[in-house]
C-alpha atoms as a PDB file:
ATOM      1  CA  UNK A   1     105.832 139.636  49.669  1.00  0.00           C
ATOM      2  CA  UNK A   2     106.470 139.367  53.408  1.00  0.00           C
ATOM      3  CA  UNK A   3     108.756 136.404  53.950  1.00  0.00           C
ATOM      4  CA  UNK A   4     110.534 135.444  57.127  1.00  0.00           C
ATOM      5  CA  UNK A   5     114.153 136.487  57.302  1.00  0.00           C
ATOM      6  CA  UNK A   6     115.328 133.034  58.390  1.00  0.00           C
ATOM      7  CA  UNK A   7     119.059 132.385  58.365  1.00  0.00           C
ATOM      8  CA  UNK A   8     120.517 128.940  58.062  1.00  0.00           C
ATOM      9  CA  UNK A   9     120.503 126.226  55.466  1.00  0.00           C
ATOM     10  CA  UNK A  10     117.512 125.470  53.283  1.00  0.00           C
ATOM     11  CA  UNK A  11     116.917 121.845  52.360  1.00  0.00           C
ATOM     12  CA  UNK A  12     115.180 122.033  48.993  1.00  0.00           C
ATOM     13  CA  UNK A  13     113.584 119.214  47.047  1.00  0.00           C
ATOM     14  CA  UNK A  14     113.614 120.007  43.325  1.00  0.00           C
ATOM     15  CA  UNK A  15     111.201 117.820  41.354  1.00  0.00           C
ATOM     16  CA  UNK A  16     110.920 117.830  37.566  1.00  0.00           C
ATOM     17  CA  UNK A  17     107.168 117.713  37.003  1.00  0.00           C
ATOM     18  CA  UNK A  18     105.307 115.450  34.594  1.00  0.00           C
ATOM     19  CA  UNK A  19     107.558 112.389  34.714  1.00  0.00           C
ATOM     20  CA  UNK A  20     106.788 108.979  36.209  1.00  0.00           C
ATOM     21  CA  UNK A  21     108.635 107.676  38.074  1.00  0.00           C
ATOM     22  CA  UNK A  22     109.638 111.031  39.571  1.00  0.00           C
ATOM     23  CA  UNK A  23     112.966 112.705  38.867  1.00  0.00           C
ATOM     24  CA  UNK A  24     114.218 114.862  41.746  1.00  0.00           C
ATOM     25  CA  UNK A  25     117.178 116.262  43.680  1.00  0.00           C
ATOM     26  CA  UNK A  26     117.522 117.208  47.348  1.00  0.00           C
ATOM     27  CA  UNK A  27     119.985 120.071  47.849  1.00  0.00           C
ATOM     28  CA  UNK A  28     121.234 122.184  50.731  1.00  0.00           C
ATOM     29  CA  UNK A  29     121.780 125.883  50.063  1.00  0.00           C
ATOM     30  CA  UNK A  30     122.380 128.929  52.241  1.00  0.00           C
ATOM     31  CA  UNK A  31     119.179 130.803  53.049  1.00  0.00           C
ATOM     32  CA  UNK A  32     120.633 134.020  51.608  1.00  0.00           C
ATOM     33  CA  UNK A  33     121.246 132.433  48.197  1.00  0.00           C
ATOM     34  CA  UNK A  34     120.154 134.787  45.424  1.00  0.00           C
ATOM     35  CA  UNK A  35     117.739 133.438  42.829  1.00  0.00           C
ATOM     36  CA  UNK A  36     120.319 133.752  40.046  1.00  0.00           C
ATOM     37  CA  UNK A  37     122.674 131.534  42.055  1.00  0.00           C
ATOM     38  CA  UNK A  38     119.801 129.141  42.825  1.00  0.00           C
ATOM     39  CA  UNK A  39     119.270 128.907  39.063  1.00  0.00           C
ATOM     40  CA  UNK A  40     122.918 127.797  38.719  1.00  0.00           C
ATOM     41  CA  UNK A  41     122.456 125.293  41.570  1.00  0.00           C
ATOM     42  CA  UNK A  42     119.404 123.812  39.840  1.00  0.00           C
ATOM     43  CA  UNK A  43     121.276 123.614  36.548  1.00  0.00           C
ATOM     44  CA  UNK A  44     124.177 121.779  38.208  1.00  0.00           C
ATOM     45  CA  UNK A  45     122.012 119.514  40.357  1.00  0.00           C
ATOM     46  CA  UNK A  46     119.672 118.491  37.557  1.00  0.00           C
ATOM     47  CA  UNK A  47     122.311 118.258  34.851  1.00  0.00           C
ATOM     48  CA  UNK A  48     120.989 121.005  32.582  1.00  0.00           C
ATOM     49  CA  UNK A  49     123.461 122.998  30.460  1.00  0.00           C
ATOM     50  CA  UNK A  50     122.044 126.519  31.001  1.00  0.00           C
ATOM     51  CA  UNK A  51     121.393 127.043  27.286  1.00  0.00           C
ATOM     52  CA  UNK A  52     117.871 128.451  27.600  1.00  0.00           C
ATOM     53  CA  UNK A  53     115.809 131.081  29.366  1.00  0.00           C
ATOM     54  CA  UNK A  54     114.363 130.356  32.778  1.00  0.00           C
ATOM     55  CA  UNK A  55     112.064 131.930  35.359  1.00  0.00           C
ATOM     56  CA  UNK A  56     111.002 131.452  38.960  1.00  0.00           C
ATOM     57  CA  UNK A  57     107.374 131.890  39.947  1.00  0.00           C
ATOM     58  CA  UNK A  58     107.083 132.681  43.649  1.00  0.00           C
ATOM     59  CA  UNK A  59     103.921 133.996  45.230  1.00  0.00           C
ATOM     60  CA  UNK A  60     102.526 135.134  41.883  1.00  0.00           C
ATOM     61  CA  UNK A  61     105.689 137.081  40.967  1.00  0.00           C
ATOM     62  CA  UNK A  62     108.021 136.075  38.141  1.00  0.00           C
ATOM     63  CA  UNK A  63     111.774 136.395  38.688  1.00  0.00           C
ATOM     64  CA  UNK A  64     114.450 135.866  36.051  1.00  0.00           C
ATOM     65  CA  UNK A  65     117.136 137.510  33.967  1.00  0.00           C
ATOM     66  CA  UNK A  66     116.189 140.995  32.909  1.00  0.00           C
ATOM     67  CA  UNK A  67     116.606 141.167  29.148  1.00  0.00           C
ATOM     68  CA  UNK A  68     114.432 143.596  27.171  1.00  0.00           C
ATOM     69  CA  UNK A  69     115.166 141.657  23.954  1.00  0.00           C
ATOM     70  CA  UNK A  70     113.008 138.773  25.167  1.00  0.00           C
ATOM     71  CA  UNK A  71     109.876 140.694  26.146  1.00  0.00           C
ATOM     72  CA  UNK A  72     109.969 139.802  29.821  1.00  0.00           C
ATOM     73  CA  UNK A  73     108.981 143.272  31.049  1.00  0.00           C
ATOM     74  CA  UNK A  74     107.009 141.996  34.058  1.00  0.00           C
ATOM     75  CA  UNK A  75     109.867 139.826  35.283  1.00  0.00           C
ATOM     76  CA  UNK A  76     111.670 140.957  38.445  1.00  0.00           C
ATOM     77  CA  UNK A  77     115.472 140.847  38.590  1.00  0.00           C
ATOM     78  CA  UNK A  78     116.540 137.519  40.109  1.00  0.00           C
ATOM     79  CA  UNK A  79     119.957 138.899  41.063  1.00  0.00           C
ATOM     80  CA  UNK A  80     118.335 141.252  43.568  1.00  0.00           C
ATOM     81  CA  UNK A  81     116.272 138.654  45.421  1.00  0.00           C
ATOM     82  CA  UNK A  82     117.336 136.009  47.933  1.00  0.00           C
ATOM     83  CA  UNK A  83     115.527 132.868  49.026  1.00  0.00           C
ATOM     84  CA  UNK A  84     115.014 134.072  52.596  1.00  0.00           C
ATOM     85  CA  UNK A  85     113.247 137.181  51.250  1.00  0.00           C
ATOM     86  CA  UNK A  86     110.744 135.345  49.037  1.00  0.00           C
ATOM     87  CA  UNK A  87     110.181 131.920  50.572  1.00  0.00           C
ATOM     88  CA  UNK A  88     107.820 132.070  53.535  1.00  0.00           C
ATOM     89  CA  UNK A  89     109.059 129.070  55.534  1.00  0.00           C
ATOM     90  CA  UNK A  90     109.178 125.305  55.713  1.00  0.00           C
ATOM     91  CA  UNK A  91     106.828 123.489  53.324  1.00  0.00           C
ATOM     92  CA  UNK A  92     106.715 126.521  51.003  1.00  0.00           C
ATOM     93  CA  UNK A  93     106.620 125.633  47.305  1.00  0.00           C
ATOM     94  CA  UNK A  94     107.447 127.578  44.190  1.00  0.00           C
ATOM     95  CA  UNK A  95     108.096 126.910  40.502  1.00  0.00           C
ATOM     96  CA  UNK A  96     111.139 127.076  38.288  1.00  0.00           C
ATOM     97  CA  UNK A  97     110.725 126.825  34.522  1.00  0.00           C
ATOM     98  CA  UNK A  98     113.687 126.038  32.310  1.00  0.00           C
ATOM     99  CA  UNK A  99     113.621 126.210  28.504  1.00  0.00           C
ATOM    100  CA  UNK A 100     110.353 127.874  27.587  1.00  0.00           C
ATOM    101  CA  UNK A 101     110.222 125.825  24.347  1.00  0.00           C
ATOM    102  CA  UNK A 102     110.474 122.404  26.006  1.00  0.00           C
ATOM    103  CA  UNK A 103     108.752 123.743  29.122  1.00  0.00           C
ATOM    104  CA  UNK A 104     110.619 121.902  31.884  1.00  0.00           C
ATOM    105  CA  UNK A 105     108.596 122.736  35.015  1.00  0.00           C
ATOM    106  CA  UNK A 106     110.202 122.131  38.391  1.00  0.00           C
ATOM    107  CA  UNK A 107     108.523 122.297  41.778  1.00  0.00           C
ATOM    108  CA  UNK A 108     110.821 123.463  44.553  1.00  0.00           C
ATOM    109  CA  UNK A 109     109.822 122.584  48.091  1.00  0.00           C
ATOM    110  CA  UNK A 110     111.527 124.040  51.155  1.00  0.00           C
ATOM    111  CA  UNK A 111     111.526 120.845  53.215  1.00  0.00           C
ATOM    112  CA  UNK A 112     113.526 122.003  56.245  1.00  0.00           C
ATOM    113  CA  UNK A 113     115.506 124.890  57.644  1.00  0.00           C
ATOM    114  CA  UNK A 114     118.696 123.525  59.169  1.00  0.00           C
ATOM    115  CA  UNK A 115     121.565 125.015  61.147  1.00  0.00           C
ATOM    116  CA  UNK A 116     124.780 125.792  59.275  1.00  0.00           C
ATOM    117  CA  UNK A 117     127.366 123.025  59.492  1.00  0.00           C
ATOM    118  CA  UNK A 118     130.760 124.789  59.436  1.00  0.00           C
ATOM    119  CA  UNK A 119     132.398 121.612  58.092  1.00  0.00           C
ATOM    120  CA  UNK A 120     130.073 121.485  55.054  1.00  0.00           C
ATOM    121  CA  UNK A 121     130.538 123.357  51.786  1.00  0.00           C
ATOM    122  CA  UNK A 122     127.326 124.710  50.253  1.00  0.00           C
ATOM    123  CA  UNK A 123     125.576 124.140  47.914  1.00  0.00           C
ATOM    124  CA  UNK A 124     125.536 120.357  48.148  1.00  0.00           C
ATOM    125  CA  UNK A 125     123.225 117.650  46.827  1.00  0.00           C
ATOM    126  CA  UNK A 126     122.407 114.980  49.399  1.00  0.00           C
ATOM    127  CA  UNK A 127     120.151 112.716  47.347  1.00  0.00           C
ATOM    128  CA  UNK A 128     118.415 112.353  44.011  1.00  0.00           C
ATOM    129  CA  UNK A 129     116.612 110.015  41.664  1.00  0.00           C
ATOM    130  CA  UNK A 130     116.938 109.438  37.919  1.00  0.00           C
ATOM    131  CA  UNK A 131     118.990 111.107  35.208  1.00  0.00           C
ATOM    132  CA  UNK A 132     118.164 114.501  33.782  1.00  0.00           C
ATOM    133  CA  UNK A 133     116.590 114.455  30.304  1.00  0.00           C
ATOM    134  CA  UNK A 134     118.853 115.599  27.466  1.00  0.00           C
ATOM    135  CA  UNK A 135     118.573 119.224  26.404  1.00  0.00           C
ATOM    136  CA  UNK A 136     116.244 119.941  23.473  1.00  0.00           C
ATOM    137  CA  UNK A 137     114.542 116.528  23.501  1.00  0.00           C
ATOM    138  CA  UNK A 138     111.040 118.013  23.319  1.00  0.00           C
ATOM    139  CA  UNK A 139     109.899 118.337  26.923  1.00  0.00           C
ATOM    140  CA  UNK A 140     108.168 115.613  28.926  1.00  0.00           C
ATOM    141  CA  UNK A 141     106.421 114.104  25.910  1.00  0.00           C
ATOM    142  CA  UNK A 142     109.602 114.085  23.791  1.00  0.00           C
ATOM    143  CA  UNK A 143     111.653 112.583  26.614  1.00  0.00           C
ATOM    144  CA  UNK A 144     109.162 109.777  27.178  1.00  0.00           C
ATOM    145  CA  UNK A 145     109.196 109.026  23.458  1.00  0.00           C
ATOM    146  CA  UNK A 146     113.020 109.077  23.484  1.00  0.00           C
ATOM    147  CA  UNK A 147     113.084 106.570  26.364  1.00  0.00           C
ATOM    148  CA  UNK A 148     110.767 104.230  24.405  1.00  0.00           C
ATOM    149  CA  UNK A 149     112.844 104.492  21.236  1.00  0.00           C
ATOM    150  CA  UNK A 150     116.139 103.904  23.049  1.00  0.00           C
ATOM    151  CA  UNK A 151     114.736 100.853  24.843  1.00  0.00           C
ATOM    152  CA  UNK A 152     114.154  99.155  21.456  1.00  0.00           C
ATOM    153  CA  UNK A 153     117.292  98.774  19.270  1.00  0.00           C
ATOM    154  CA  UNK A 154     114.979  97.568  16.466  1.00  0.00           C
ATOM    155  CA  UNK A 155     113.042 100.860  16.437  1.00  0.00           C
ATOM    156  CA  UNK A 156     113.442 102.652  13.070  1.00  0.00           C
ATOM    157  CA  UNK A 157     114.678 105.839  14.823  1.00  0.00           C
ATOM    158  CA  UNK A 158     117.052 104.102  17.252  1.00  0.00           C
ATOM    159  CA  UNK A 159     120.334 104.680  15.349  1.00  0.00           C
ATOM    160  CA  UNK A 160     119.481 108.299  14.526  1.00  0.00           C
ATOM    161  CA  UNK A 161     118.622 109.074  18.155  1.00  0.00           C
ATOM    162  CA  UNK A 162     121.712 107.261  19.438  1.00  0.00           C
ATOM    163  CA  UNK A 163     123.867 109.392  17.136  1.00  0.00           C
ATOM    164  CA  UNK A 164     122.084 112.546  18.390  1.00  0.00           C
ATOM    165  CA  UNK A 165     122.613 111.518  22.030  1.00  0.00           C
ATOM    166  CA  UNK A 166     126.278 110.617  21.440  1.00  0.00           C
ATOM    167  CA  UNK A 167     126.047 108.057  24.283  1.00  0.00           C
ATOM    168  CA  UNK A 168     123.522 105.512  25.559  1.00  0.00           C
ATOM    169  CA  UNK A 169     120.488 106.863  27.402  1.00  0.00           C
ATOM    170  CA  UNK A 170     120.318 105.689  31.011  1.00  0.00           C
ATOM    171  CA  UNK A 171     117.180 107.331  32.475  1.00  0.00           C
ATOM    172  CA  UNK A 172     117.411 105.558  35.845  1.00  0.00           C
ATOM    173  CA  UNK A 173     121.029 106.565  36.491  1.00  0.00           C
ATOM    174  CA  UNK A 174     121.849 109.154  39.153  1.00  0.00           C
ATOM    175  CA  UNK A 175     125.430 109.981  40.104  1.00  0.00           C
ATOM    176  CA  UNK A 176     125.619 111.950  43.365  1.00  0.00           C
ATOM    177  CA  UNK A 177     129.387 112.437  43.039  1.00  0.00           C
ATOM    178  CA  UNK A 178     129.010 113.913  39.543  1.00  0.00           C
ATOM    179  CA  UNK A 179     126.286 116.300  40.717  1.00  0.00           C
ATOM    180  CA  UNK A 180     128.355 117.439  43.681  1.00  0.00           C
ATOM    181  CA  UNK A 181     131.402 117.976  41.473  1.00  0.00           C
ATOM    182  CA  UNK A 182     129.256 120.382  39.400  1.00  0.00           C
ATOM    183  CA  UNK A 183     128.030 122.122  42.558  1.00  0.00           C
ATOM    184  CA  UNK A 184     131.574 122.452  43.970  1.00  0.00           C
ATOM    185  CA  UNK A 185     132.509 124.416  40.864  1.00  0.00           C
ATOM    186  CA  UNK A 186     129.777 126.910  41.870  1.00  0.00           C
ATOM    187  CA  UNK A 187     131.092 127.345  45.410  1.00  0.00           C
ATOM    188  CA  UNK A 188     134.521 128.510  44.184  1.00  0.00           C
END
């Protein structure tokens, strides 16, 4: 794949597909960020726990962790690829899948290429909407069902789900400071 070797900061919009209203994060990362580090950025920005397999699909090529035990022979090593080598420029889109069982599909859009701000630490999240779904809740369909159940304390499954969640579900909540605290741990 012939991508531009553009240096600078990539402003990425990461959108979790299939949910209405949309759930997304806008992050700034260095253009030479490797895909394995981008995976960690997505995990921190979205609020995932990195408990499952993942893959990037960019220009018809799959990138991920190379592990022969999982039958991913056609997957390219994400540690050897950087964003500025695979993303062709502003408005480029690619996919990130997390948890092949629940099938969380994310669209990643390169919105802008910005100059480096020497006063800024990267990666950083600059905006977002809505809380990340809990791990292992059953994908988009399971999350929507969980939201409905938790909105009705009289629902027969309410108490069981509340115990499973361990805290109230607040799907509209987004805490920029919490996300950036997770991302600062990556930059160390």
